[in-house]
Amino acid sequence: MSTGFPSHRNFTRQREQFLAAATAANARLYHYPHPLCGPFGEALSTDVALIGNPQAKRVLIAVSGTHGVEGFYGSDCQRQWLQTFNPQTLPDDVAVLMIHLINPWGTAWIRRVNEDKIDLNRNYLDFSQALPDNQAYDALHAIYTCDQLRGPHRDQADALLNERVQSQGWPAVMSIVEAGQYHHPDGLFYGGNRACWSNRTLHRILQEHLGAASVAMCFDLHTGAGDYGHPMLLTITQAAYPALADAQQLFGPWLFTLITGANSHSDTGVAATATGYASQAIINALPHVRLMPFVIECGTYPGEQIHNVLRDDQWLHLYGNLDSPQAHQIKQQLLEQFFPADSDWQELVWVRTRQIWDRALGALIKMQG
């Protein structure tokens, strides 16, 4: 057993609770075992619960754990929805597909990235094509490979970051760092050089379970950006998509529309300059489906604070001892940044997520398949 990881919130607990709720709801269960283990030696898996007709034309999809540590919010919402939803209310031509912890390694190891240090939302790209070339990140890379958690080297890295922030501003610097980069596996927001396990698994799930669908709404569940306790509803793609007007009409002013690209900007706290988002990948993977891709992003702490803790976690996995009290402290801090222990925060994000899903499912039921 690794002593560096919290035991009160862990992958096994989340998975067991999800599977129990799905079983009680008479869901069909499918399992996609991950090749690696968690910090306690536990088996890892992405699990899928399907409620309703497997050949349904209209499907609501919810994906948790794209950024592993953010999966605790998504997993809790999926479980609570399964516990409270009455499957008898579903028409025969409507189904719900819950994809539980698509990045199980990241959830288990309390990391935002996966086992390859890849940010999954920078990895959904066509790797046969030229990758985004974020040359501006190169000058900042040393900030994220500093070999000291505290000390003169960390002070130098902090000074470099502060110098850039003072001259360019925090949003401009983060638009570079968070855009994703594809040359430094030991850096932040690394997108990889091939489709990773979670990427391939998501595409497999879509292929196996959405073949009959003609209309779908997909919700990718996240935390960390925005105001504390405020769940934002976004649709994030590289270009306008055929069902965008439907999505905007359904949610009205609740919905933020974010078209990403090198010159894009957003005041939501979500990286507008990044490419490789799951939303775009799902649209590309399901060309026969009238798809509305959504992201629910639940605000936690200020971006500068989260960024500092991400740097600490980066140091830990590059240079630190994962069994140390120091590791335990860093992991507790990282968990708090993305899943606050505040019970009011947890209740608010669940209530708002349920409201969004209720509206979406109500609209799906009325749509023509």
Protein backbone atom coordinates (compact mmCIF):
# COMPACT_ATOMS: atom_id res chain seq x y z
CA MET A 1 0.00 0.00 0.00
CA SER A 2 1.26 3.45 -0.90
CA THR A 3 1.14 5.82 2.08
CA GLY A 4 1.37 8.91 -0.11
CA PHE A 5 -2.23 8.77 -1.32
CA PRO A 6 -5.50 9.67 0.45
CA SER A 7 -7.60 6.66 1.41
CA HIS A 8 -10.90 8.45 2.11
CA ARG A 9 -11.30 9.24 -1.60
CA ASN A 10 -9.93 6.62 -3.95
CA PHE A 11 -10.61 4.89 -7.24
CA THR A 12 -11.86 1.62 -5.77
CA ARG A 13 -14.48 3.35 -3.61
CA GLN A 14 -15.75 5.40 -6.55
CA ARG A 15 -15.91 2.37 -8.82
CA GLU A 16 -17.68 0.14 -6.31
CA GLN A 17 -20.31 2.78 -5.60
CA PHE A 18 -20.91 3.42 -9.30
CA LEU A 19 -21.25 -0.27 -10.13
CA ALA A 20 -23.61 -0.83 -7.19
CA ALA A 21 -25.83 2.07 -8.27
CA ALA A 22 -25.80 0.91 -11.89
CA THR A 23 -26.70 -2.64 -10.88
CA ALA A 24 -29.58 -1.41 -8.71
CA ALA A 25 -30.85 0.62 -11.68
CA ASN A 26 -30.84 -2.54 -13.86
CA ALA A 27 -28.25 -1.04 -16.18
CA ARG A 28 -26.29 -3.12 -18.64
CA LEU A 29 -22.64 -3.01 -17.56
CA TYR A 30 -19.54 -3.12 -19.72
CA HIS A 31 -15.95 -3.11 -18.50
CA TYR A 32 -12.75 -1.87 -20.18
CA PRO A 33 -9.81 -2.97 -17.99
CA HIS A 34 -6.79 -0.70 -17.88
CA PRO A 35 -3.37 -2.39 -18.23
CA LEU A 36 -1.87 -0.73 -15.13
CA CYS A 37 -2.73 -0.72 -11.43
CA GLY A 38 -3.44 2.04 -8.94
CA PRO A 39 -1.23 3.16 -6.03
CA PHE A 40 -2.72 0.51 -3.72
CA GLY A 41 -2.26 -2.24 -6.29
CA GLU A 42 -5.93 -2.04 -7.25
CA ALA A 43 -7.19 -3.06 -10.68
CA LEU A 44 -8.24 -0.13 -12.86
CA SER A 45 -11.04 0.01 -15.40
CA THR A 46 -13.34 2.31 -17.29
CA ASP A 47 -16.88 1.09 -16.75
CA VAL A 48 -19.96 1.82 -18.84
CA ALA A 49 -23.58 1.67 -17.67
CA LEU A 50 -26.32 1.63 -20.29
CA ILE A 51 -29.90 2.30 -19.24
CA GLY A 52 -32.60 1.73 -21.81
CA ASN A 53 -32.69 0.20 -25.25
CA PRO A 54 -29.19 -0.59 -26.65
CA GLN A 55 -30.58 0.23 -30.12
CA ALA A 56 -32.11 3.55 -29.07
CA LYS A 57 -32.02 6.34 -31.61
CA ARG A 58 -31.71 9.05 -28.97
CA VAL A 59 -28.99 8.87 -26.31
CA LEU A 60 -27.77 11.01 -23.42
CA ILE A 61 -24.07 10.41 -22.69
CA ALA A 62 -22.12 11.45 -19.59
CA VAL A 63 -18.33 11.06 -19.37
CA SER A 64 -16.43 11.42 -16.09
CA GLY A 65 -12.72 11.55 -15.35
CA THR A 66 -11.24 12.98 -18.56
CA HIS A 67 -8.87 14.77 -16.21
CA GLY A 68 -8.42 12.01 -13.65
CA VAL A 69 -8.60 13.92 -10.35
CA GLU A 70 -11.67 15.79 -11.62
CA GLY A 71 -13.41 12.43 -11.88
CA PHE A 72 -14.52 12.45 -8.24
CA TYR A 73 -17.11 15.11 -9.06
CA GLY A 74 -18.25 13.34 -12.21
CA SER A 75 -18.35 9.93 -10.57
CA ASP A 76 -20.42 11.21 -7.65
CA CYS A 77 -22.93 12.83 -10.03
CA GLN A 78 -23.22 9.69 -12.14
CA ARG A 79 -23.81 7.58 -9.03
CA GLN A 80 -26.40 9.94 -7.57
CA TRP A 81 -28.23 10.15 -10.88
CA LEU A 82 -28.39 6.36 -11.10
CA GLN A 83 -29.68 6.20 -7.55
CA THR A 84 -32.50 8.70 -8.14
CA PHE A 85 -33.53 8.09 -11.76
CA ASN A 86 -36.51 5.89 -12.57
CA PRO A 87 -35.61 3.93 -15.73
CA GLN A 88 -39.29 3.18 -16.28
CA THR A 89 -39.75 6.78 -17.42
CA LEU A 90 -37.53 6.25 -20.48
CA PRO A 91 -39.32 5.73 -23.78
CA ASP A 92 -38.20 2.66 -25.70
CA ASP A 93 -36.23 4.77 -28.19
CA VAL A 94 -34.20 6.75 -25.61
CA ALA A 95 -31.16 5.53 -23.65
CA VAL A 96 -28.61 6.88 -21.18
CA LEU A 97 -24.93 5.93 -21.44
CA MET A 98 -22.75 6.61 -18.40
CA ILE A 99 -19.00 6.37 -19.14
CA HIS A 100 -17.34 6.16 -15.74
CA LEU A 101 -13.76 7.42 -15.32
CA ILE A 102 -12.39 7.35 -18.86
CA ASN A 103 -8.94 8.13 -17.40
CA PRO A 104 -8.96 5.65 -14.48
CA TRP A 105 -5.20 5.85 -13.92
CA GLY A 106 -5.41 9.61 -13.41
CA THR A 107 -8.24 9.27 -10.89
CA ALA A 108 -6.48 6.51 -8.96
CA TRP A 109 -3.15 8.33 -8.81
CA ILE A 110 -4.80 11.72 -8.05
CA ARG A 111 -3.40 13.29 -11.21
CA ARG A 112 -4.90 15.49 -13.87
CA VAL A 113 -2.96 13.60 -16.56
CA ASN A 114 -2.81 9.93 -17.50
CA GLU A 115 -0.17 7.23 -17.17
CA ASP A 116 1.83 8.77 -20.04
CA LYS A 117 1.76 12.26 -18.47
CA ILE A 118 -0.72 13.19 -21.21
CA ASP A 119 -3.50 15.73 -20.78
CA LEU A 120 -6.32 13.74 -22.37
CA ASN A 121 -8.05 16.90 -23.62
CA ARG A 122 -4.98 17.67 -25.72
CA ASN A 123 -4.72 14.11 -27.10
CA TYR A 124 -7.84 13.79 -29.26
CA LEU A 125 -6.06 14.62 -32.50
CA ASP A 126 -5.34 13.03 -35.84
CA PHE A 127 -1.74 11.96 -35.28
CA SER A 128 -1.24 11.28 -38.98
CA GLN A 129 -1.34 15.05 -39.46
CA ALA A 130 1.06 17.74 -38.28
CA LEU A 131 0.60 18.48 -34.59
CA PRO A 132 0.11 21.96 -33.13
CA ASP A 133 3.47 23.66 -32.70
CA ASN A 134 3.40 25.68 -29.50
CA GLN A 135 6.91 27.15 -29.72
CA ALA A 136 6.12 29.83 -27.16
CA TYR A 137 5.88 27.13 -24.49
CA ASP A 138 9.57 26.21 -24.93
CA ALA A 139 10.72 29.37 -23.15
CA LEU A 140 8.53 28.46 -20.16
CA HIS A 141 9.29 24.76 -19.95
CA ALA A 142 11.99 25.14 -17.29
CA ILE A 143 9.33 26.39 -14.87
CA TYR A 144 7.69 22.97 -14.93
CA THR A 145 10.80 20.79 -14.69
CA CYS A 146 12.37 22.48 -11.69
CA ASP A 147 14.10 19.84 -9.53
CA GLN A 148 13.24 21.47 -6.19
CA LEU A 149 9.89 21.76 -4.48
CA ARG A 150 11.32 24.56 -2.35
CA GLY A 151 14.72 26.19 -2.58
CA PRO A 152 16.81 28.41 -4.88
CA HIS A 153 15.91 26.48 -8.07
CA ARG A 154 12.20 26.81 -7.30
CA ASP A 155 12.75 30.49 -6.56
CA GLN A 156 14.35 30.91 -9.99
CA ALA A 157 11.43 29.13 -11.65
CA ASP A 158 8.96 31.29 -9.74
CA ALA A 159 10.85 34.41 -10.80
CA LEU A 160 10.68 33.37 -14.45
CA LEU A 161 6.94 32.78 -14.21
CA ASN A 162 6.37 36.05 -12.34
CA GLU A 163 8.43 37.98 -14.89
CA ARG A 164 6.31 36.66 -17.73
CA VAL A 165 3.07 37.32 -15.86
CA GLN A 166 4.08 40.90 -15.08
CA SER A 167 5.02 41.63 -18.68
CA GLN A 168 2.21 39.74 -20.45
CA GLY A 169 -0.49 39.20 -17.84
CA TRP A 170 -1.73 35.95 -16.33
CA PRO A 171 -4.32 35.14 -19.04
CA ALA A 172 -1.77 35.58 -21.84
CA VAL A 173 0.81 33.33 -20.16
CA MET A 174 -1.79 30.66 -19.42
CA SER A 175 -3.03 30.81 -23.01
CA ILE A 176 0.46 29.60 -23.95
CA VAL A 177 0.90 27.01 -21.21
CA GLU A 178 -2.61 25.57 -21.38
CA ALA A 179 -2.76 25.50 -25.19
CA GLY A 180 -1.02 22.15 -25.08
CA GLN A 181 2.45 21.16 -26.27
CA TYR A 182 3.75 18.07 -28.02
CA HIS A 183 7.54 18.13 -27.53
CA HIS A 184 8.04 17.86 -23.76
CA PRO A 185 6.61 14.73 -22.05
CA ASP A 186 7.93 16.05 -18.72
CA GLY A 187 6.05 19.36 -19.07
CA LEU A 188 2.53 20.50 -18.30
CA PHE A 189 -0.38 20.10 -20.74
CA TYR A 190 1.52 17.56 -22.83
CA GLY A 191 -0.64 16.18 -25.64
CA GLY A 192 1.38 13.06 -26.54
CA ASN A 193 2.55 11.75 -29.90
CA ARG A 194 -0.07 9.04 -30.37
CA ALA A 195 -3.57 8.18 -29.27
CA CYS A 196 -3.34 7.06 -25.64
CA TRP A 197 -5.29 4.23 -23.94
CA SER A 198 -8.16 6.46 -22.80
CA ASN A 199 -8.46 8.02 -26.26
CA ARG A 200 -8.63 4.58 -27.92
CA THR A 201 -11.04 3.30 -25.27
CA LEU A 202 -13.44 6.20 -25.69
CA HIS A 203 -13.52 5.61 -29.45
CA ARG A 204 -14.15 1.91 -28.84
CA ILE A 205 -17.05 2.70 -26.48
CA LEU A 206 -18.60 5.09 -28.99
CA GLN A 207 -18.28 2.51 -31.76
CA GLU A 208 -19.76 -0.29 -29.66
CA HIS A 209 -22.67 1.59 -28.10
CA LEU A 210 -23.68 4.46 -30.42
CA GLY A 211 -24.02 2.63 -33.72
CA ALA A 212 -27.82 2.92 -33.76
CA ALA A 213 -28.04 6.50 -32.48
CA SER A 214 -29.17 9.35 -34.69
CA VAL A 215 -29.44 12.09 -32.03
CA ALA A 216 -27.26 12.44 -28.92
CA MET A 217 -26.22 14.88 -26.22
CA CYS A 218 -22.87 14.28 -24.54
CA PHE A 219 -21.69 15.84 -21.27
CA ASP A 220 -17.99 15.84 -20.37
CA LEU A 221 -17.68 16.54 -16.63
CA HIS A 222 -14.91 18.79 -15.31
CA THR A 223 -13.84 20.92 -12.35
CA GLY A 224 -11.29 23.67 -11.72
CA ALA A 225 -12.26 26.58 -13.97
CA GLY A 226 -14.62 29.39 -13.07
CA ASP A 227 -16.06 30.80 -9.87
CA TYR A 228 -16.16 28.66 -6.75
CA GLY A 229 -19.23 26.43 -6.63
CA HIS A 230 -20.53 27.65 -10.00
CA PRO A 231 -21.06 24.94 -12.65
CA MET A 232 -20.69 26.45 -16.12
CA LEU A 233 -22.31 24.82 -19.11
CA LEU A 234 -20.23 25.09 -22.28
CA THR A 235 -20.05 23.67 -25.76
CA ILE A 236 -16.42 23.51 -26.91
CA THR A 237 -15.44 22.64 -30.47
CA GLN A 238 -13.01 23.77 -33.16
CA ALA A 239 -15.82 25.00 -35.41
CA ALA A 240 -19.57 25.42 -35.44
CA TYR A 241 -21.30 22.05 -35.76
CA PRO A 242 -24.66 21.16 -37.34
CA ALA A 243 -26.61 20.91 -34.06
CA LEU A 244 -25.13 24.05 -32.46
CA ALA A 245 -28.29 26.09 -32.97
CA ASP A 246 -30.31 23.33 -31.27
CA ALA A 247 -27.94 23.33 -28.31
CA GLN A 248 -28.11 27.12 -27.98
CA GLN A 249 -31.88 27.12 -28.19
CA LEU A 250 -32.20 24.38 -25.58
CA PHE A 251 -30.07 26.06 -22.91
CA GLY A 252 -30.27 29.72 -23.97
CA PRO A 253 -28.13 32.10 -21.89
CA TRP A 254 -26.96 29.25 -19.65
CA LEU A 255 -24.73 28.01 -22.48
CA PHE A 256 -21.27 29.39 -23.27
CA THR A 257 -20.19 28.67 -26.84
CA LEU A 258 -16.41 28.33 -27.14
CA ILE A 259 -14.76 27.88 -30.53
CA THR A 260 -11.14 26.97 -29.88
CA GLY A 261 -8.07 27.95 -31.87
CA ALA A 262 -4.65 29.58 -31.67
CA ASN A 263 -6.13 33.09 -31.55
CA SER A 264 -9.22 32.34 -29.47
CA HIS A 265 -9.86 33.91 -26.09
CA SER A 266 -12.33 33.21 -23.31
CA ASP A 267 -13.07 34.69 -19.89
CA THR A 268 -14.51 31.38 -18.65
CA GLY A 269 -11.17 30.07 -17.35
CA VAL A 270 -11.28 27.27 -19.91
CA ALA A 271 -8.35 27.11 -22.34
CA ALA A 272 -9.58 28.56 -25.63
CA THR A 273 -6.24 28.12 -27.42
CA ALA A 274 -6.13 24.35 -26.92
CA THR A 275 -6.95 21.68 -29.47
CA GLY A 276 -7.59 17.99 -28.93
CA TYR A 277 -10.76 18.28 -26.85
CA ALA A 278 -13.01 15.25 -26.36
CA SER A 279 -16.04 17.18 -27.64
CA GLN A 280 -14.56 17.61 -31.10
CA ALA A 281 -13.34 14.02 -31.14
CA ILE A 282 -16.84 12.70 -30.40
CA ILE A 283 -18.33 14.79 -33.21
CA ASN A 284 -15.68 13.44 -35.58
CA ALA A 285 -16.23 9.86 -34.42
CA LEU A 286 -20.02 9.97 -34.88
CA PRO A 287 -20.66 11.68 -38.24
CA HIS A 288 -24.02 9.92 -38.57
CA VAL A 289 -25.28 11.37 -35.26
CA ARG A 290 -26.85 14.81 -34.73
CA LEU A 291 -24.63 15.44 -31.75
CA MET A 292 -24.68 18.21 -29.17
CA PRO A 293 -21.42 18.08 -27.16
CA PHE A 294 -21.45 19.83 -23.79
CA VAL A 295 -18.96 20.40 -21.00
CA ILE A 296 -19.98 21.03 -17.39
CA GLU A 297 -17.11 22.88 -15.71
CA CYS A 298 -17.44 23.40 -11.94
CA GLY A 299 -15.42 26.26 -10.48
CA THR A 300 -13.18 25.67 -7.50
CA TYR A 301 -10.21 27.85 -6.50
CA PRO A 302 -8.37 30.73 -8.23
CA GLY A 303 -6.38 29.69 -11.27
CA GLU A 304 -3.05 30.87 -9.86
CA GLN A 305 -3.53 28.71 -6.77
CA ILE A 306 -4.48 25.63 -8.79
CA HIS A 307 -1.50 26.19 -11.07
CA ASN A 308 0.91 26.26 -8.12
CA VAL A 309 -0.42 22.96 -6.79
CA LEU A 310 -0.19 21.41 -10.27
CA ARG A 311 3.46 22.45 -10.31
CA ASP A 312 3.99 20.77 -6.94
CA ASP A 313 2.40 17.58 -8.23
CA GLN A 314 4.56 17.80 -11.36
CA TRP A 315 7.67 17.97 -9.17
CA LEU A 316 6.45 15.02 -7.09
CA HIS A 317 6.09 12.72 -10.09
CA LEU A 318 9.37 13.85 -11.66
CA TYR A 319 11.60 13.83 -8.59
CA GLY A 320 9.71 13.06 -5.36
CA ASN A 321 8.94 10.00 -3.23
CA LEU A 322 5.34 8.89 -3.73
CA ASP A 323 5.33 7.05 -0.38
CA SER A 324 6.36 10.08 1.66
CA PRO A 325 4.34 12.35 3.98
CA GLN A 326 5.26 15.13 1.55
CA ALA A 327 3.52 13.21 -1.24
CA HIS A 328 0.45 12.74 0.95
CA GLN A 329 0.26 16.49 1.57
CA ILE A 330 0.61 17.33 -2.13
CA LYS A 331 -2.04 14.79 -3.11
CA GLN A 332 -4.44 16.09 -0.48
CA GLN A 333 -3.90 19.62 -1.77
CA LEU A 334 -4.44 18.58 -5.39
CA LEU A 335 -7.62 16.69 -4.53
CA GLU A 336 -8.94 19.76 -2.72
CA GLN A 337 -8.23 22.00 -5.73
CA PHE A 338 -10.39 19.88 -8.01
CA PHE A 339 -12.87 18.35 -5.56
CA PRO A 340 -13.35 20.61 -2.53
CA ALA A 341 -14.27 18.86 0.71
CA ASP A 342 -16.87 21.60 1.33
CA SER A 343 -20.21 19.76 1.48
CA ASP A 344 -22.08 22.83 0.18
CA TRP A 345 -19.85 22.87 -2.92
CA GLN A 346 -20.50 19.19 -3.52
CA GLU A 347 -24.25 19.59 -3.10
CA LEU A 348 -24.45 22.65 -5.37
CA VAL A 349 -22.56 21.06 -8.26
CA TRP A 350 -24.68 17.91 -8.05
CA VAL A 351 -27.95 19.83 -8.02
CA ARG A 352 -26.96 21.95 -11.00
CA THR A 353 -25.65 18.94 -12.92
CA ARG A 354 -28.91 17.11 -12.29
CA GLN A 355 -30.90 20.12 -13.51
CA ILE A 356 -28.88 20.23 -16.74
CA TRP A 357 -29.33 16.51 -17.35
CA ASP A 358 -33.05 16.71 -16.59
CA ARG A 359 -33.52 19.44 -19.18
CA ALA A 360 -31.41 17.59 -21.73
CA LEU A 361 -33.20 14.29 -21.24
CA GLY A 362 -36.59 15.97 -21.38
CA ALA A 363 -35.65 17.54 -24.70
CA LEU A 364 -34.27 14.27 -26.08
CA ILE A 365 -37.50 12.48 -25.28
CA LYS A 366 -39.43 15.02 -27.33
CA MET A 367 -37.04 14.98 -30.31
CA GLN A 368 -37.52 12.92 -33.40
CA GLY A 369 -34.97 10.13 -33.69
